[in-house]
Amino acid sequence: MVTQSRLLVTILALSVLSTACASGQTSTKRRAQDPVGTVAAHHALNMVGTNYRYGGSHPQQGFDCSGLVQYSYKRAGITVPRNTKLQRKSSKAVSHVRLKKGDLLFFNQAGKRSGHVAIYVGDDRFVHAPSSGKTVRVDSLKNRYWRRHLASARRFVFR
């Protein structure tokens, strides 16, 4: 599974790089017209393979789910709350059919309502820090488990 996730990240990174190269931009330089969510999704994808760590919010220590969201948005230049509950509270609901890169996906897990958060990266895929003993990875909303546990999709609104 890790190999498959890394392959997907490599393909996505090459796609972003080729688009950036064609436009004269480097993949690490944020273009002014890129939405913040797209940039945050890019940073989250760069963390695939990083260890999970409860309370973690940096690649050197590892990430939990909300720490990955906070880190990715910070790298995109935006400060967002640290925990899942506040991230949910400070974002606006969005229809599942209108998802954009960078939108947050909240899942009901382990008896907790919206206890897990992920970042949507497009094509029914999301990046998240799943649980202890695992690493940040990309999963699909087409997967029966994730589809069944999806509670809501939300978006940070920046002014």
C-alpha atoms as a PDB file:
ATOM      1  CA  MET A   1       0.000   0.000   0.000  1.00  0.00           C
ATOM      2  CA  VAL A   2       2.840   2.409   0.817  1.00  0.00           C
ATOM      3  CA  THR A   3       4.410   1.739  -2.585  1.00  0.00           C
ATOM      4  CA  GLN A   4       1.086   2.461  -4.299  1.00  0.00           C
ATOM      5  CA  SER A   5       0.691   5.707  -2.341  1.00  0.00           C
ATOM      6  CA  ARG A   6       4.216   6.810  -3.166  1.00  0.00           C
ATOM      7  CA  LEU A   7       3.611   6.059  -6.843  1.00  0.00           C
ATOM      8  CA  LEU A   8       0.473   8.217  -6.771  1.00  0.00           C
ATOM      9  CA  VAL A   9       2.336  11.058  -5.063  1.00  0.00           C
ATOM     10  CA  THR A  10       5.151  10.797  -7.612  1.00  0.00           C
ATOM     11  CA  ILE A  11       2.660  10.954 -10.482  1.00  0.00           C
ATOM     12  CA  LEU A  12       0.849  13.929  -8.912  1.00  0.00           C
ATOM     13  CA  ALA A  13       4.149  15.700  -8.234  1.00  0.00           C
ATOM     14  CA  LEU A  14       5.317  15.154 -11.817  1.00  0.00           C
ATOM     15  CA  SER A  15       2.002  16.489 -13.079  1.00  0.00           C
ATOM     16  CA  VAL A  16       2.340  19.620 -10.937  1.00  0.00           C
ATOM     17  CA  LEU A  17       5.992  20.009 -11.935  1.00  0.00           C
ATOM     18  CA  SER A  18       5.271  19.647 -15.650  1.00  0.00           C
ATOM     19  CA  THR A  19       2.472  22.200 -15.417  1.00  0.00           C
ATOM     20  CA  ALA A  20       4.718  24.561 -13.472  1.00  0.00           C
ATOM     21  CA  CYS A  21       7.611  24.085 -15.880  1.00  0.00           C
ATOM     22  CA  ALA A  22       5.348  24.773 -18.848  1.00  0.00           C
ATOM     23  CA  SER A  23       4.311  28.047 -17.263  1.00  0.00           C
ATOM     24  CA  GLY A  24       7.842  29.022 -16.291  1.00  0.00           C
ATOM     25  CA  GLN A  25       7.217  28.424 -12.585  1.00  0.00           C
ATOM     26  CA  THR A  26       8.971  26.059 -10.226  1.00  0.00           C
ATOM     27  CA  SER A  27       6.817  23.576  -8.330  1.00  0.00           C
ATOM     28  CA  THR A  28       7.805  25.040  -4.959  1.00  0.00           C
ATOM     29  CA  LYS A  29       6.964  28.627  -5.867  1.00  0.00           C
ATOM     30  CA  ARG A  30       3.349  29.530  -5.184  1.00  0.00           C
ATOM     31  CA  ARG A  31       1.758  31.322  -8.092  1.00  0.00           C
ATOM     32  CA  ALA A  32      -0.380  34.280  -7.069  1.00  0.00           C
ATOM     33  CA  GLN A  33      -3.462  32.803  -8.738  1.00  0.00           C
ATOM     34  CA  ASP A  34      -3.221  29.420  -6.957  1.00  0.00           C
ATOM     35  CA  PRO A  35      -5.982  29.083  -4.369  1.00  0.00           C
ATOM     36  CA  VAL A  36      -4.720  28.620  -0.817  1.00  0.00           C
ATOM     37  CA  GLY A  37      -6.404  25.196  -0.626  1.00  0.00           C
ATOM     38  CA  THR A  38      -4.516  23.972  -3.697  1.00  0.00           C
ATOM     39  CA  VAL A  39      -1.219  25.053  -2.164  1.00  0.00           C
ATOM     40  CA  ALA A  40      -2.119  23.426   1.181  1.00  0.00           C
ATOM     41  CA  ALA A  41      -3.052  20.181  -0.621  1.00  0.00           C
ATOM     42  CA  HIS A  42       0.321  20.245  -2.382  1.00  0.00           C
ATOM     43  CA  HIS A  43       2.158  20.617   0.933  1.00  0.00           C
ATOM     44  CA  ALA A  44       0.108  17.805   2.483  1.00  0.00           C
ATOM     45  CA  LEU A  45       0.981  15.507  -0.433  1.00  0.00           C
ATOM     46  CA  ASN A  46       4.648  16.258   0.165  1.00  0.00           C
ATOM     47  CA  MET A  47       4.245  14.767   3.652  1.00  0.00           C
ATOM     48  CA  VAL A  48       3.168  11.305   2.406  1.00  0.00           C
ATOM     49  CA  GLY A  49       5.306   8.724   4.181  1.00  0.00           C
ATOM     50  CA  THR A  50       5.814  10.861   7.310  1.00  0.00           C
ATOM     51  CA  ASN A  51       5.142   8.939  10.522  1.00  0.00           C
ATOM     52  CA  TYR A  52       1.925   9.342  12.468  1.00  0.00           C
ATOM     53  CA  ARG A  53       2.341  10.783  15.937  1.00  0.00           C
ATOM     54  CA  TYR A  54      -0.468  11.762  18.262  1.00  0.00           C
ATOM     55  CA  GLY A  55      -0.175  15.503  18.888  1.00  0.00           C
ATOM     56  CA  GLY A  56       2.386  15.842  16.100  1.00  0.00           C
ATOM     57  CA  SER A  57       2.364  18.902  13.883  1.00  0.00           C
ATOM     58  CA  HIS A  58       5.750  18.888  12.130  1.00  0.00           C
ATOM     59  CA  PRO A  59       7.490  16.478   9.740  1.00  0.00           C
ATOM     60  CA  GLN A  60      10.394  15.940  12.136  1.00  0.00           C
ATOM     61  CA  GLN A  61       8.115  14.741  14.936  1.00  0.00           C
ATOM     62  CA  GLY A  62       5.325  13.261  12.806  1.00  0.00           C
ATOM     63  CA  PHE A  63       1.696  14.257  12.356  1.00  0.00           C
ATOM     64  CA  ASP A  64      -1.715  13.492  13.667  1.00  0.00           C
ATOM     65  CA  CYS A  65      -4.625  14.309  11.358  1.00  0.00           C
ATOM     66  CA  SER A  66      -5.312  17.866  12.517  1.00  0.00           C
ATOM     67  CA  GLY A  67      -1.593  18.596  12.817  1.00  0.00           C
ATOM     68  CA  LEU A  68      -1.159  17.735   9.128  1.00  0.00           C
ATOM     69  CA  VAL A  69      -3.981  20.139   8.232  1.00  0.00           C
ATOM     70  CA  GLN A  70      -2.538  22.928  10.363  1.00  0.00           C
ATOM     71  CA  TYR A  71       1.006  22.401   9.004  1.00  0.00           C
ATOM     72  CA  SER A  72      -0.127  22.281   5.363  1.00  0.00           C
ATOM     73  CA  TYR A  73      -2.150  25.466   5.626  1.00  0.00           C
ATOM     74  CA  LYS A  74       0.645  27.220   7.520  1.00  0.00           C
ATOM     75  CA  ARG A  75       3.028  26.358   4.678  1.00  0.00           C
ATOM     76  CA  ALA A  76       0.433  27.907   2.349  1.00  0.00           C
ATOM     77  CA  GLY A  77       0.580  31.099   4.443  1.00  0.00           C
ATOM     78  CA  ILE A  78      -2.603  30.670   6.495  1.00  0.00           C
ATOM     79  CA  THR A  79      -2.997  30.026  10.215  1.00  0.00           C
ATOM     80  CA  VAL A  80      -5.795  27.587  11.076  1.00  0.00           C
ATOM     81  CA  PRO A  81      -6.818  26.022  14.399  1.00  0.00           C
ATOM     82  CA  ARG A  82      -4.847  23.060  15.753  1.00  0.00           C
ATOM     83  CA  ASN A  83      -7.548  20.545  16.646  1.00  0.00           C
ATOM     84  CA  THR A  84     -10.216  18.785  14.604  1.00  0.00           C
ATOM     85  CA  LYS A  85     -13.142  20.284  16.519  1.00  0.00           C
ATOM     86  CA  LEU A  86     -11.972  23.868  15.963  1.00  0.00           C
ATOM     87  CA  GLN A  87     -11.016  23.179  12.341  1.00  0.00           C
ATOM     88  CA  ARG A  88     -14.554  21.948  11.747  1.00  0.00           C
ATOM     89  CA  LYS A  89     -16.067  24.902  13.597  1.00  0.00           C
ATOM     90  CA  SER A  90     -13.998  27.477  11.669  1.00  0.00           C
ATOM     91  CA  SER A  91     -14.855  26.106   8.218  1.00  0.00           C
ATOM     92  CA  LYS A  92     -18.013  26.195   6.107  1.00  0.00           C
ATOM     93  CA  ALA A  93     -19.956  23.186   4.826  1.00  0.00           C
ATOM     94  CA  VAL A  94     -19.532  22.342   1.151  1.00  0.00           C
ATOM     95  CA  SER A  95     -21.375  19.826  -0.993  1.00  0.00           C
ATOM     96  CA  HIS A  96     -19.516  16.592  -1.725  1.00  0.00           C
ATOM     97  CA  VAL A  97     -20.071  17.193  -5.433  1.00  0.00           C
ATOM     98  CA  ARG A  98     -18.359  20.602  -5.245  1.00  0.00           C
ATOM     99  CA  LEU A  99     -15.124  19.532  -3.569  1.00  0.00           C
ATOM    100  CA  LYS A 100     -11.974  21.504  -4.378  1.00  0.00           C
ATOM    101  CA  LYS A 101      -8.357  20.783  -3.550  1.00  0.00           C
ATOM    102  CA  GLY A 102      -7.679  21.777   0.024  1.00  0.00           C
ATOM    103  CA  ASP A 103     -11.202  21.151   1.297  1.00  0.00           C
ATOM    104  CA  LEU A 104     -11.419  19.320   4.595  1.00  0.00           C
ATOM    105  CA  LEU A 105     -13.067  15.925   4.906  1.00  0.00           C
ATOM    106  CA  PHE A 106     -14.330  14.961   8.353  1.00  0.00           C
ATOM    107  CA  PHE A 107     -14.916  11.343   9.268  1.00  0.00           C
ATOM    108  CA  ASN A 108     -16.757   9.697  12.154  1.00  0.00           C
ATOM    109  CA  GLN A 109     -14.334   7.214  13.720  1.00  0.00           C
ATOM    110  CA  ALA A 110     -13.899   5.389  16.988  1.00  0.00           C
ATOM    111  CA  GLY A 111     -17.214   6.702  18.275  1.00  0.00           C
ATOM    112  CA  LYS A 112     -16.205  10.325  17.708  1.00  0.00           C
ATOM    113  CA  ARG A 113     -18.294  12.570  15.519  1.00  0.00           C
ATOM    114  CA  SER A 114     -15.965  14.197  13.004  1.00  0.00           C
ATOM    115  CA  GLY A 115     -13.008  12.855  14.976  1.00  0.00           C
ATOM    116  CA  HIS A 116     -10.746  12.495  11.946  1.00  0.00           C
ATOM    117  CA  VAL A 117      -9.852  15.095   9.304  1.00  0.00           C
ATOM    118  CA  ALA A 118      -8.192  14.853   5.888  1.00  0.00           C
ATOM    119  CA  ILE A 119      -7.347  17.200   3.017  1.00  0.00           C
ATOM    120  CA  TYR A 120      -9.005  16.624  -0.353  1.00  0.00           C
ATOM    121  CA  VAL A 121      -6.478  16.517  -3.224  1.00  0.00           C
ATOM    122  CA  GLY A 122      -8.786  15.925  -6.208  1.00  0.00           C
ATOM    123  CA  ASP A 123     -10.058  12.916  -8.161  1.00  0.00           C
ATOM    124  CA  ASP A 124     -11.903  11.484  -5.126  1.00  0.00           C
ATOM    125  CA  ARG A 125      -8.592  11.228  -3.223  1.00  0.00           C
ATOM    126  CA  PHE A 126      -7.478  12.689   0.091  1.00  0.00           C
ATOM    127  CA  VAL A 127      -4.308  12.821   2.161  1.00  0.00           C
ATOM    128  CA  HIS A 128      -4.345  12.188   5.893  1.00  0.00           C
ATOM    129  CA  ALA A 129      -2.435  10.952   8.936  1.00  0.00           C
ATOM    130  CA  PRO A 130      -4.503   7.842   9.731  1.00  0.00           C
ATOM    131  CA  SER A 131      -3.426   6.377  13.081  1.00  0.00           C
ATOM    132  CA  SER A 132      -0.610   5.110  15.296  1.00  0.00           C
ATOM    133  CA  GLY A 133       1.855   2.826  13.575  1.00  0.00           C
ATOM    134  CA  LYS A 134       1.013   4.218  10.140  1.00  0.00           C
ATOM    135  CA  THR A 135       2.261   7.035   7.951  1.00  0.00           C
ATOM    136  CA  VAL A 136       0.667   9.960   6.154  1.00  0.00           C
ATOM    137  CA  ARG A 137      -0.944   8.513   3.033  1.00  0.00           C
ATOM    138  CA  VAL A 138      -3.394   9.063   0.206  1.00  0.00           C
ATOM    139  CA  ASP A 139      -6.721   7.214   0.241  1.00  0.00           C
ATOM    140  CA  SER A 140      -9.839   7.220  -1.925  1.00  0.00           C
ATOM    141  CA  LEU A 141     -13.386   8.303  -1.207  1.00  0.00           C
ATOM    142  CA  LYS A 142     -14.400   5.371  -3.401  1.00  0.00           C
ATOM    143  CA  ASN A 143     -13.179   3.040  -0.660  1.00  0.00           C
ATOM    144  CA  ARG A 144     -16.228   1.640   1.135  1.00  0.00           C
ATOM    145  CA  TYR A 145     -14.803   2.272   4.626  1.00  0.00           C
ATOM    146  CA  TRP A 146     -14.057   5.949   4.028  1.00  0.00           C
ATOM    147  CA  ARG A 147     -17.283   6.548   2.124  1.00  0.00           C
ATOM    148  CA  ARG A 148     -19.318   5.021   4.970  1.00  0.00           C
ATOM    149  CA  HIS A 149     -17.565   7.100   7.647  1.00  0.00           C
ATOM    150  CA  LEU A 150     -17.518  10.451   5.807  1.00  0.00           C
ATOM    151  CA  ALA A 151     -19.417  12.917   7.992  1.00  0.00           C
ATOM    152  CA  SER A 152     -18.947  16.203   6.160  1.00  0.00           C
ATOM    153  CA  ALA A 153     -16.909  18.206   3.698  1.00  0.00           C
ATOM    154  CA  ARG A 154     -15.916  21.717   4.687  1.00  0.00           C
ATOM    155  CA  ARG A 155     -13.859  24.617   3.394  1.00  0.00           C
ATOM    156  CA  PHE A 156     -11.889  27.359   5.100  1.00  0.00           C
ATOM    157  CA  VAL A 157     -13.064  30.760   3.892  1.00  0.00           C
ATOM    158  CA  PHE A 158     -10.369  33.431   3.733  1.00  0.00           C
ATOM    159  CA  ARG A 159     -10.982  37.139   3.387  1.00  0.00           C
END
